[in-house]
Each structure stands twice: as structure tokens, then as C-alpha cells.
N, C-alpha and C. Protein backbone atom coordinates (compact mmCIF):
# COMPACT_ATOMS: atom_id res chain seq x y z
N MET A 1 39.36 33.12 6.88
CA MET A 1 39.54 31.91 6.07
C MET A 1 39.77 32.51 4.67
N ALA A 2 40.96 31.93 4.05
CA ALA A 2 41.60 32.27 2.86
C ALA A 2 40.59 31.81 1.57
N THR A 3 40.43 32.48 0.51
CA THR A 3 39.65 32.16 -0.51
C THR A 3 40.52 31.07 -1.44
N LYS A 4 39.74 30.28 -2.19
CA LYS A 4 40.44 29.31 -3.05
C LYS A 4 41.46 29.92 -3.84
N SER A 5 41.14 31.03 -4.39
CA SER A 5 42.11 31.61 -5.33
C SER A 5 43.17 32.06 -4.78
N SER A 6 43.07 32.73 -3.70
CA SER A 6 44.44 33.17 -2.83
C SER A 6 45.15 32.02 -2.34
N SER A 7 44.49 30.69 -1.98
CA SER A 7 45.22 29.92 -1.65
C SER A 7 45.82 29.25 -2.68
N ARG A 8 45.46 28.97 -3.81
CA ARG A 8 46.03 28.47 -5.10
C ARG A 8 47.15 29.44 -5.58
N ALA A 9 46.86 30.71 -5.52
CA ALA A 9 48.18 31.58 -5.84
C ALA A 9 49.40 31.22 -4.92
N SER A 10 49.01 31.18 -3.75
CA SER A 10 50.03 31.07 -2.82
C SER A 10 50.74 29.69 -3.17
N ARG A 11 50.06 28.43 -3.48
CA ARG A 11 50.64 27.31 -3.76
C ARG A 11 51.44 27.48 -5.05
N LEU A 12 51.12 28.03 -6.04
CA LEU A 12 51.58 28.45 -7.29
C LEU A 12 53.00 29.19 -6.99
N GLN A 13 53.09 30.11 -6.13
CA GLN A 13 54.08 31.15 -5.98
C GLN A 13 55.14 30.20 -5.02
N LYS A 14 54.78 29.25 -4.05
CA LYS A 14 55.66 28.43 -3.50
C LYS A 14 56.39 27.35 -4.58
N ALA A 15 55.60 26.77 -5.38
CA ALA A 15 55.95 25.83 -6.31
C ALA A 15 57.09 26.51 -7.44
N ALA A 16 56.87 27.64 -7.72
CA ALA A 16 57.63 28.47 -8.61
C ALA A 16 59.02 28.54 -7.99
N LYS A 17 59.09 28.81 -6.69
CA LYS A 17 60.43 28.72 -6.14
C LYS A 17 61.19 27.62 -6.20
N THR A 18 60.68 26.58 -5.90
CA THR A 18 61.24 25.32 -6.06
C THR A 18 61.91 24.80 -7.40
N ASN A 19 62.70 23.77 -7.39
CA ASN A 19 63.13 23.28 -8.51
C ASN A 19 62.44 22.21 -9.14
N SER A 20 61.13 22.15 -8.89
CA SER A 20 60.30 21.09 -9.17
C SER A 20 60.39 20.83 -10.66
N LYS A 21 60.33 19.43 -11.11
CA LYS A 21 60.22 19.37 -12.59
C LYS A 21 59.13 18.44 -12.80
N ARG A 22 58.19 18.56 -11.85
CA ARG A 22 56.81 17.82 -12.05
C ARG A 22 56.07 18.51 -13.30
N ILE A 23 55.37 17.74 -13.86
CA ILE A 23 54.48 18.29 -15.11
C ILE A 23 52.93 17.72 -14.85
N HIS A 24 52.12 18.66 -14.97
CA HIS A 24 50.68 18.35 -14.84
C HIS A 24 50.11 18.46 -16.12
N VAL A 25 49.05 17.44 -16.21
CA VAL A 25 48.13 17.24 -17.35
C VAL A 25 46.81 17.70 -17.08
N THR A 26 46.35 18.73 -17.42
CA THR A 26 45.13 19.52 -16.84
C THR A 26 44.06 19.75 -18.07
N SER A 27 42.91 19.69 -17.54
CA SER A 27 41.89 19.90 -18.72
C SER A 27 41.67 21.48 -18.81
N ARG A 28 41.54 21.81 -20.29
CA ARG A 28 41.18 23.27 -20.56
C ARG A 28 40.03 23.15 -21.60
N GLU A 29 39.47 24.54 -21.75
CA GLU A 29 38.07 24.56 -22.54
C GLU A 29 38.45 23.94 -23.81
N SER A 30 39.77 24.52 -24.33
CA SER A 30 40.21 24.03 -25.68
C SER A 30 40.91 22.79 -25.72
N GLY A 31 40.92 21.86 -24.80
CA GLY A 31 41.59 20.66 -24.89
C GLY A 31 42.39 20.16 -23.62
N TRP A 32 43.45 19.69 -23.48
CA TRP A 32 44.44 19.36 -22.57
C TRP A 32 45.75 20.01 -22.52
N ALA A 33 45.92 20.61 -21.48
CA ALA A 33 47.36 21.20 -21.32
C ALA A 33 48.46 20.47 -20.47
N VAL A 34 49.68 20.57 -20.92
CA VAL A 34 50.79 20.02 -20.38
C VAL A 34 51.72 21.20 -19.81
N LYS A 35 51.60 21.40 -18.53
CA LYS A 35 52.23 22.49 -17.82
C LYS A 35 53.27 22.12 -16.67
N ARG A 36 54.37 22.85 -16.70
CA ARG A 36 55.27 22.64 -15.71
C ARG A 36 54.87 23.21 -14.31
N GLU A 37 55.06 22.35 -13.23
CA GLU A 37 54.47 23.01 -11.87
C GLU A 37 55.05 24.32 -11.60
N GLY A 38 54.23 25.22 -11.17
CA GLY A 38 54.55 26.58 -10.73
C GLY A 38 54.55 27.62 -11.98
N ASN A 39 54.33 27.07 -13.14
CA ASN A 39 54.20 28.03 -14.41
C ASN A 39 52.78 28.43 -14.43
N LYS A 40 52.74 29.41 -14.90
CA LYS A 40 51.07 30.09 -15.08
C LYS A 40 50.38 29.62 -16.27
N LYS A 41 51.25 29.49 -17.33
CA LYS A 41 50.76 29.07 -18.78
C LYS A 41 51.16 27.75 -19.07
N ALA A 42 50.52 27.20 -19.90
CA ALA A 42 50.77 25.75 -20.20
C ALA A 42 51.85 25.69 -21.37
N SER A 43 52.60 24.51 -21.38
CA SER A 43 53.66 24.52 -22.25
C SER A 43 53.29 24.32 -23.60
N ARG A 44 52.06 23.58 -23.74
CA ARG A 44 51.44 23.15 -25.06
C ARG A 44 49.96 22.90 -24.64
N LEU A 45 49.09 22.82 -25.71
CA LEU A 45 47.77 22.34 -25.71
C LEU A 45 47.61 21.21 -26.65
N TYR A 46 46.91 20.14 -26.11
CA TYR A 46 46.66 18.88 -27.04
C TYR A 46 45.06 18.91 -27.12
N SER A 47 44.54 18.36 -28.05
CA SER A 47 43.18 17.95 -28.41
C SER A 47 42.54 16.87 -27.53
N THR A 48 43.46 15.85 -26.94
CA THR A 48 42.97 14.80 -26.22
C THR A 48 43.88 14.58 -25.22
N GLN A 49 43.33 14.08 -24.04
CA GLN A 49 44.16 13.89 -22.81
C GLN A 49 45.22 12.76 -23.08
N LYS A 50 44.94 11.73 -23.83
CA LYS A 50 45.90 10.59 -24.25
C LYS A 50 47.22 11.27 -24.81
N SER A 51 47.07 12.08 -25.94
CA SER A 51 48.18 12.79 -26.47
C SER A 51 48.82 13.70 -25.33
N ALA A 52 48.27 14.36 -24.61
CA ALA A 52 49.03 15.12 -23.55
C ALA A 52 49.72 14.11 -22.55
N ILE A 53 49.03 13.27 -22.13
CA ILE A 53 49.85 12.38 -21.31
C ILE A 53 51.18 11.67 -21.94
N SER A 54 50.89 11.28 -23.18
CA SER A 54 51.97 10.73 -23.97
C SER A 54 53.22 11.72 -23.88
N GLU A 55 52.86 13.07 -24.36
CA GLU A 55 54.05 13.93 -24.29
C GLU A 55 54.50 14.24 -23.28
N ALA A 56 53.70 14.32 -21.87
CA ALA A 56 54.13 14.60 -20.62
C ALA A 56 55.31 13.36 -20.17
N ARG A 57 54.66 12.14 -20.49
CA ARG A 57 55.76 10.97 -20.41
C ARG A 57 57.05 11.10 -21.08
N ASN A 58 56.82 11.58 -22.54
CA ASN A 58 58.27 11.64 -23.23
C ASN A 58 59.03 12.70 -22.43
N LEU A 59 58.49 13.64 -22.09
CA LEU A 59 59.52 14.67 -21.18
C LEU A 59 60.12 14.07 -20.03
N VAL A 60 59.48 13.15 -19.36
CA VAL A 60 59.91 12.37 -18.12
C VAL A 60 61.08 11.49 -18.63
N LYS A 61 61.01 10.83 -19.91
CA LYS A 61 61.86 9.79 -20.41
C LYS A 61 63.09 10.45 -20.75
N SER A 62 62.99 11.86 -21.43
CA SER A 62 64.16 12.43 -21.82
C SER A 62 64.81 13.21 -20.73
N GLY A 63 64.31 13.27 -19.40
CA GLY A 63 65.06 13.75 -18.25
C GLY A 63 64.59 15.38 -18.12
N LYS A 64 63.62 15.91 -18.92
CA LYS A 64 63.27 17.09 -18.84
C LYS A 64 62.27 17.52 -17.84
N ALA A 65 61.86 16.23 -17.13
CA ALA A 65 60.76 16.33 -16.12
C ALA A 65 60.88 15.11 -15.25
N SER A 66 60.50 15.26 -13.88
CA SER A 66 60.65 14.06 -13.03
C SER A 66 59.54 13.25 -12.85
N LYS A 67 58.26 13.83 -12.86
CA LYS A 67 57.06 13.07 -12.72
C LYS A 67 55.84 13.57 -13.37
N VAL A 68 54.80 12.93 -13.81
CA VAL A 68 53.67 13.44 -14.65
C VAL A 68 52.42 13.29 -13.43
N ILE A 69 51.80 14.34 -13.23
CA ILE A 69 50.44 14.31 -12.45
C ILE A 69 49.40 14.43 -13.19
N ILE A 70 48.55 13.66 -13.51
CA ILE A 70 47.34 13.55 -14.47
C ILE A 70 46.17 14.34 -13.61
N HIS A 71 45.48 14.98 -13.96
CA HIS A 71 44.36 15.55 -13.48
C HIS A 71 43.01 15.03 -14.26
N ASP A 72 41.91 14.79 -13.85
CA ASP A 72 40.70 14.65 -14.45
C ASP A 72 40.10 15.78 -15.09
N SER A 73 39.06 15.72 -15.65
CA SER A 73 38.27 16.79 -16.40
C SER A 73 37.70 17.77 -15.26
N LYS A 74 37.66 17.40 -14.05
CA LYS A 74 37.10 18.23 -13.10
C LYS A 74 38.37 18.79 -12.18
N GLY A 75 39.68 18.55 -12.61
CA GLY A 75 40.59 19.04 -12.03
C GLY A 75 41.25 18.45 -10.86
N LYS A 76 40.69 17.33 -10.47
CA LYS A 76 41.02 16.25 -9.20
C LYS A 76 42.29 15.46 -9.84
N ILE A 77 43.51 15.26 -9.14
CA ILE A 77 44.26 14.46 -9.26
C ILE A 77 43.91 12.97 -9.55
N ARG A 78 44.22 12.34 -10.67
CA ARG A 78 43.91 10.85 -10.83
C ARG A 78 44.86 9.92 -10.19
N LYS A 79 44.43 8.81 -9.72
CA LYS A 79 45.22 7.85 -8.81
C LYS A 79 45.77 6.86 -9.80
């Protein structure tokens, strides 16, 4: 059975090979990160989830991203 970290690394490698323009808003210790799918590092950190979501949606409006995926503070995708 694969560990969580190796399975996550595998998913990141697959996503990095695609032309995905999805943007994830994820929780960090120092705030909220806006991160393009497949990247290891966040594009930018924000102090609130609201401001991170706003910036991610602006990226979609400007055509630099296709979809925003918002995670809760525990890392699960919000519906």
C-alpha cells in the first residue's frame, strides 16, 4: 500500500505534466495560499481566505486560470 505522501507526490507529478489552469486556495500556517495545480510553491499568500478566493477568481476572470478549487482549513475541498 502506498503512503499518503508518495500518492500525493504522484498526483502532483501527473498534474504538473498537464496544461491544467486550475487554481487551488489552501490553508497554510501563515495564512491562505493561492497555488496553480501542479506547482509545489504557492503563487502568493494572503492573510484571509476571503482575499485569497477573491484573487483566485480574478485570475479566472482575466483568463489566467480556468477554475478555482477552494479547500477548507483541514485541506478538504469545499463544495
